[in-house]
Amino acid sequence: AVVSTQSTGDTMQRFVAALEGWGIRVCAVYLLDSQFLVEPSKFIAGMCSALSAMVQLQVPHINVLTKVDLLSARDRDNLDRWLDPSQLIMEGCVSRTANKRHARLSNALCRL
């Protein structure tokens, strides 16, 4: 079943607990649009959103990148850089592209 994690309160936790109570094994699949890999700030936002879902649901979790076929050839070539990013690469990309007002926050998220 497809369910949004953006519901209010503890609805999702209660839903997962009910399913597990009935003996149903639960795992989460987080679908992340490939457009989140085009810019470092979008990548960080997408990863924070996925992390939020992982923390909220507290079940085994798989992240799936969608719509990769819609990326430009250049962005597809850079895909490996985003799928296994190093801290230095992330900080370098963020420092060149992010809003200077949020530079310290962005760099802290890169180190995370």
N, C-alpha and C. Protein backbone atom coordinates (compact mmCIF):
# COMPACT_ATOMS: atom_id res chain seq x y z
N ALA A 1 0.85 -1.18 0.00
CA ALA A 1 0.00 0.00 0.00
C ALA A 1 0.89 1.24 0.00
N VAL A 2 0.48 2.25 -0.70
CA VAL A 2 1.21 3.51 -0.75
C VAL A 2 0.59 4.46 0.26
N VAL A 3 1.42 4.93 1.19
CA VAL A 3 0.94 5.82 2.24
C VAL A 3 1.96 6.93 2.42
N SER A 4 1.49 8.15 2.52
CA SER A 4 2.39 9.28 2.74
C SER A 4 2.81 9.33 4.19
N THR A 5 4.09 9.64 4.42
CA THR A 5 4.58 9.78 5.80
C THR A 5 4.32 11.18 6.33
N GLN A 6 3.73 12.03 5.54
CA GLN A 6 3.52 13.41 5.95
C GLN A 6 2.21 13.60 6.69
N SER A 7 1.67 12.54 7.27
CA SER A 7 0.43 12.66 8.02
C SER A 7 0.72 13.28 9.38
N THR A 8 -0.31 13.71 10.03
CA THR A 8 -0.12 14.41 11.30
C THR A 8 -0.09 13.43 12.47
N GLY A 9 0.55 13.87 13.53
CA GLY A 9 0.59 13.09 14.75
C GLY A 9 1.30 11.76 14.61
N ASP A 10 0.81 10.78 15.34
CA ASP A 10 1.45 9.47 15.35
C ASP A 10 0.66 8.45 14.52
N THR A 11 -0.07 8.93 13.54
CA THR A 11 -0.91 8.06 12.71
C THR A 11 -0.10 6.93 12.06
N MET A 12 1.02 7.26 11.48
CA MET A 12 1.82 6.26 10.78
C MET A 12 2.40 5.23 11.77
N GLN A 13 2.85 5.68 12.92
CA GLN A 13 3.39 4.74 13.89
C GLN A 13 2.30 3.77 14.37
N ARG A 14 1.11 4.29 14.59
CA ARG A 14 0.00 3.42 15.01
C ARG A 14 -0.41 2.47 13.91
N PHE A 15 -0.38 2.94 12.66
CA PHE A 15 -0.70 2.10 11.51
C PHE A 15 0.30 0.95 11.38
N VAL A 16 1.59 1.27 11.49
CA VAL A 16 2.63 0.25 11.42
C VAL A 16 2.49 -0.73 12.58
N ALA A 17 2.23 -0.23 13.77
CA ALA A 17 2.07 -1.10 14.94
C ALA A 17 0.88 -2.05 14.74
N ALA A 18 -0.21 -1.55 14.16
CA ALA A 18 -1.38 -2.39 13.92
C ALA A 18 -1.05 -3.50 12.92
N LEU A 19 -0.36 -3.14 11.84
CA LEU A 19 0.02 -4.15 10.86
C LEU A 19 0.93 -5.21 11.48
N GLU A 20 1.91 -4.76 12.26
CA GLU A 20 2.82 -5.69 12.90
C GLU A 20 2.09 -6.55 13.93
N GLY A 21 1.09 -5.98 14.59
CA GLY A 21 0.27 -6.72 15.54
C GLY A 21 -0.51 -7.84 14.88
N TRP A 22 -0.83 -7.69 13.62
CA TRP A 22 -1.55 -8.72 12.85
C TRP A 22 -0.59 -9.71 12.21
N GLY A 23 0.71 -9.57 12.54
CA GLY A 23 1.69 -10.50 12.00
C GLY A 23 2.20 -10.14 10.62
N ILE A 24 1.92 -8.94 10.16
CA ILE A 24 2.38 -8.49 8.85
C ILE A 24 3.74 -7.83 9.01
N ARG A 25 4.71 -8.29 8.24
CA ARG A 25 6.03 -7.67 8.27
C ARG A 25 5.98 -6.39 7.44
N VAL A 26 6.54 -5.34 7.97
CA VAL A 26 6.46 -4.01 7.35
C VAL A 26 7.84 -3.51 7.00
N CYS A 27 7.96 -2.91 5.82
CA CYS A 27 9.16 -2.16 5.47
C CYS A 27 8.71 -0.91 4.72
N ALA A 28 9.53 0.10 4.75
CA ALA A 28 9.21 1.36 4.08
C ALA A 28 10.02 1.48 2.80
N VAL A 29 9.38 1.98 1.76
CA VAL A 29 10.06 2.29 0.51
C VAL A 29 9.87 3.78 0.28
N TYR A 30 10.98 4.51 0.28
CA TYR A 30 10.92 5.95 0.09
C TYR A 30 11.27 6.26 -1.36
N LEU A 31 10.35 6.88 -2.09
CA LEU A 31 10.57 7.22 -3.49
C LEU A 31 11.08 8.66 -3.58
N LEU A 32 12.28 8.82 -4.12
CA LEU A 32 12.90 10.13 -4.25
C LEU A 32 13.06 10.45 -5.73
N ASP A 33 12.47 11.55 -6.17
CA ASP A 33 12.54 11.96 -7.57
C ASP A 33 13.99 12.29 -7.93
N SER A 34 14.42 11.84 -9.10
CA SER A 34 15.81 12.05 -9.52
C SER A 34 16.16 13.53 -9.67
N GLN A 35 15.19 14.39 -9.78
CA GLN A 35 15.48 15.82 -9.86
C GLN A 35 16.16 16.34 -8.60
N PHE A 36 16.07 15.57 -7.51
CA PHE A 36 16.76 15.95 -6.28
C PHE A 36 18.27 15.78 -6.41
N LEU A 37 18.74 15.15 -7.49
CA LEU A 37 20.17 14.97 -7.68
C LEU A 37 20.80 16.02 -8.57
N VAL A 38 20.01 16.95 -9.02
CA VAL A 38 20.51 17.95 -9.95
C VAL A 38 21.30 19.05 -9.23
N GLU A 39 20.86 19.43 -8.05
CA GLU A 39 21.52 20.49 -7.28
C GLU A 39 21.83 20.00 -5.87
N PRO A 40 22.97 20.41 -5.32
CA PRO A 40 23.33 19.97 -3.97
C PRO A 40 22.28 20.31 -2.91
N SER A 41 21.69 21.50 -2.99
CA SER A 41 20.70 21.87 -1.97
C SER A 41 19.46 20.98 -2.07
N LYS A 42 19.06 20.61 -3.28
CA LYS A 42 17.93 19.69 -3.43
C LYS A 42 18.28 18.31 -2.92
N PHE A 43 19.52 17.88 -3.16
CA PHE A 43 19.97 16.58 -2.68
C PHE A 43 19.90 16.52 -1.16
N ILE A 44 20.40 17.55 -0.50
CA ILE A 44 20.37 17.60 0.96
C ILE A 44 18.93 17.59 1.45
N ALA A 45 18.05 18.34 0.81
CA ALA A 45 16.64 18.36 1.21
C ALA A 45 16.00 16.98 1.05
N GLY A 46 16.29 16.32 -0.05
CA GLY A 46 15.75 14.98 -0.28
C GLY A 46 16.25 13.98 0.74
N MET A 47 17.54 14.05 1.08
CA MET A 47 18.10 13.13 2.07
C MET A 47 17.53 13.41 3.46
N CYS A 48 17.31 14.68 3.79
CA CYS A 48 16.71 15.01 5.08
C CYS A 48 15.28 14.48 5.16
N SER A 49 14.56 14.58 4.06
CA SER A 49 13.19 14.07 4.02
C SER A 49 13.18 12.55 4.19
N ALA A 50 14.08 11.86 3.51
CA ALA A 50 14.17 10.40 3.64
C ALA A 50 14.55 10.02 5.07
N LEU A 51 15.49 10.74 5.66
CA LEU A 51 15.91 10.47 7.03
C LEU A 51 14.75 10.68 8.00
N SER A 52 13.97 11.72 7.76
CA SER A 52 12.79 11.98 8.59
C SER A 52 11.82 10.81 8.55
N ALA A 53 11.59 10.27 7.36
CA ALA A 53 10.69 9.12 7.22
C ALA A 53 11.26 7.91 7.95
N MET A 54 12.56 7.70 7.86
CA MET A 54 13.20 6.56 8.53
C MET A 54 13.02 6.67 10.04
N VAL A 55 13.25 7.85 10.57
CA VAL A 55 13.15 8.06 12.02
C VAL A 55 11.70 7.93 12.47
N GLN A 56 10.78 8.47 11.70
CA GLN A 56 9.37 8.45 12.07
C GLN A 56 8.81 7.03 12.07
N LEU A 57 9.12 6.24 11.05
CA LEU A 57 8.50 4.93 10.92
C LEU A 57 9.22 3.84 11.71
N GLN A 58 10.53 3.93 11.85
CA GLN A 58 11.33 2.97 12.59
C GLN A 58 11.10 1.53 12.13
N VAL A 59 11.12 1.34 10.82
CA VAL A 59 11.03 0.01 10.21
C VAL A 59 12.14 -0.09 9.17
N PRO A 60 12.45 -1.31 8.70
CA PRO A 60 13.44 -1.42 7.62
C PRO A 60 13.04 -0.49 6.46
N HIS A 61 14.03 0.11 5.83
CA HIS A 61 13.76 1.22 4.92
C HIS A 61 14.62 1.10 3.66
N ILE A 62 14.01 1.33 2.52
CA ILE A 62 14.73 1.33 1.24
C ILE A 62 14.44 2.64 0.53
N ASN A 63 15.49 3.32 0.07
CA ASN A 63 15.32 4.52 -0.74
C ASN A 63 15.41 4.14 -2.21
N VAL A 64 14.44 4.59 -3.01
CA VAL A 64 14.41 4.29 -4.44
C VAL A 64 14.43 5.60 -5.21
N LEU A 65 15.36 5.70 -6.13
CA LEU A 65 15.48 6.87 -6.98
C LEU A 65 14.59 6.68 -8.21
N THR A 66 13.66 7.60 -8.43
CA THR A 66 12.71 7.47 -9.54
C THR A 66 13.00 8.47 -10.65
N LYS A 67 12.47 8.18 -11.81
CA LYS A 67 12.53 9.05 -12.99
C LYS A 67 13.95 9.35 -13.46
N VAL A 68 14.86 8.40 -13.27
CA VAL A 68 16.24 8.58 -13.70
C VAL A 68 16.30 8.74 -15.21
N ASP A 69 15.38 8.12 -15.92
CA ASP A 69 15.37 8.23 -17.38
C ASP A 69 15.10 9.64 -17.86
N LEU A 70 14.58 10.50 -17.00
CA LEU A 70 14.29 11.89 -17.38
C LEU A 70 15.48 12.83 -17.15
N LEU A 71 16.54 12.33 -16.52
CA LEU A 71 17.73 13.16 -16.31
C LEU A 71 18.45 13.41 -17.63
N SER A 72 19.11 14.53 -17.71
CA SER A 72 19.94 14.80 -18.89
C SER A 72 21.13 13.85 -18.87
N ALA A 73 21.80 13.72 -20.00
CA ALA A 73 22.97 12.84 -20.10
C ALA A 73 24.04 13.27 -19.11
N ARG A 74 24.24 14.56 -18.98
CA ARG A 74 25.25 15.08 -18.04
C ARG A 74 24.90 14.73 -16.60
N ASP A 75 23.63 14.90 -16.24
CA ASP A 75 23.22 14.58 -14.87
C ASP A 75 23.30 13.08 -14.60
N ARG A 76 23.00 12.26 -15.60
CA ARG A 76 23.12 10.81 -15.43
C ARG A 76 24.59 10.41 -15.22
N ASP A 77 25.51 11.10 -15.92
CA ASP A 77 26.94 10.82 -15.75
C ASP A 77 27.41 11.16 -14.34
N ASN A 78 26.77 12.14 -13.72
CA ASN A 78 27.14 12.56 -12.36
C ASN A 78 26.43 11.76 -11.27
N LEU A 79 25.62 10.80 -11.66
CA LEU A 79 24.80 10.05 -10.72
C LEU A 79 25.62 9.37 -9.63
N ASP A 80 26.74 8.75 -9.98
CA ASP A 80 27.56 8.06 -8.99
C ASP A 80 28.06 9.00 -7.90
N ARG A 81 28.34 10.23 -8.28
CA ARG A 81 28.83 11.21 -7.31
C ARG A 81 27.79 11.43 -6.21
N TRP A 82 26.51 11.38 -6.58
CA TRP A 82 25.45 11.64 -5.61
C TRP A 82 25.04 10.38 -4.84
N LEU A 83 25.23 9.22 -5.45
CA LEU A 83 24.80 7.99 -4.78
C LEU A 83 25.76 7.55 -3.69
N ASP A 84 27.01 7.96 -3.76
CA ASP A 84 27.98 7.65 -2.73
C ASP A 84 28.86 8.88 -2.50
N PRO A 85 28.26 9.96 -2.00
CA PRO A 85 29.01 11.23 -1.91
C PRO A 85 30.00 11.25 -0.75
N SER A 86 31.14 11.88 -0.99
CA SER A 86 32.09 12.10 0.10
C SER A 86 31.76 13.47 0.72
N GLN A 87 32.18 13.63 1.94
CA GLN A 87 31.93 14.88 2.64
C GLN A 87 32.57 16.06 1.92
N LEU A 88 33.79 15.90 1.44
CA LEU A 88 34.50 17.00 0.78
C LEU A 88 33.80 17.41 -0.52
N ILE A 89 33.36 16.43 -1.29
CA ILE A 89 32.64 16.75 -2.54
C ILE A 89 31.36 17.49 -2.23
N MET A 90 30.61 17.00 -1.23
CA MET A 90 29.35 17.66 -0.87
C MET A 90 29.58 19.09 -0.39
N GLU A 91 30.56 19.28 0.50
CA GLU A 91 30.82 20.62 1.01
C GLU A 91 31.26 21.56 -0.10
N GLY A 92 32.07 21.05 -1.05
CA GLY A 92 32.51 21.86 -2.17
C GLY A 92 31.35 22.28 -3.05
N CYS A 93 30.45 21.35 -3.36
CA CYS A 93 29.29 21.66 -4.19
C CYS A 93 28.37 22.65 -3.49
N VAL A 94 28.16 22.43 -2.21
CA VAL A 94 27.26 23.31 -1.46
C VAL A 94 27.83 24.71 -1.36
N SER A 95 29.13 24.82 -1.13
CA SER A 95 29.72 26.15 -0.98
C SER A 95 29.65 26.94 -2.28
N ARG A 96 29.65 26.24 -3.43
CA ARG A 96 29.57 26.94 -4.72
C ARG A 96 28.14 27.30 -5.11
N THR A 97 27.16 26.56 -4.62
CA THR A 97 25.80 26.74 -5.13
C THR A 97 24.78 27.20 -4.11
N ALA A 98 25.01 26.96 -2.83
CA ALA A 98 24.00 27.25 -1.83
C ALA A 98 23.94 28.73 -1.48
N ASN A 99 22.82 29.13 -0.94
CA ASN A 99 22.62 30.47 -0.43
C ASN A 99 23.64 30.71 0.69
N LYS A 100 24.39 31.78 0.62
CA LYS A 100 25.45 32.05 1.58
C LYS A 100 24.90 32.20 3.01
N ARG A 101 23.65 32.63 3.12
CA ARG A 101 23.03 32.78 4.42
C ARG A 101 22.91 31.43 5.15
N HIS A 102 22.78 30.36 4.37
CA HIS A 102 22.57 29.03 4.95
C HIS A 102 23.82 28.14 4.84
N ALA A 103 24.96 28.74 4.58
CA ALA A 103 26.18 27.96 4.33
C ALA A 103 26.57 27.11 5.53
N ARG A 104 26.52 27.65 6.74
CA ARG A 104 26.92 26.87 7.91
C ARG A 104 26.00 25.68 8.12
N LEU A 105 24.70 25.89 7.96
CA LEU A 105 23.74 24.79 8.11
C LEU A 105 23.96 23.73 7.03
N SER A 106 24.13 24.16 5.80
CA SER A 106 24.35 23.23 4.70
C SER A 106 25.61 22.40 4.90
N ASN A 107 26.69 23.04 5.34
CA ASN A 107 27.94 22.32 5.59
C ASN A 107 27.80 21.33 6.74
N ALA A 108 27.04 21.71 7.77
CA ALA A 108 26.80 20.79 8.89
C ALA A 108 26.02 19.56 8.40
N LEU A 109 25.05 19.77 7.54
CA LEU A 109 24.28 18.65 6.99
C LEU A 109 25.16 17.76 6.11
N CYS A 110 26.09 18.34 5.39
CA CYS A 110 27.02 17.55 4.58
C CYS A 110 27.88 16.64 5.45
N ARG A 111 28.29 17.16 6.60
CA ARG A 111 29.11 16.35 7.50
C ARG A 111 28.31 15.23 8.15
N LEU A 112 27.00 15.42 8.24
CA LEU A 112 26.12 14.40 8.80
C LEU A 112 26.12 13.18 7.94
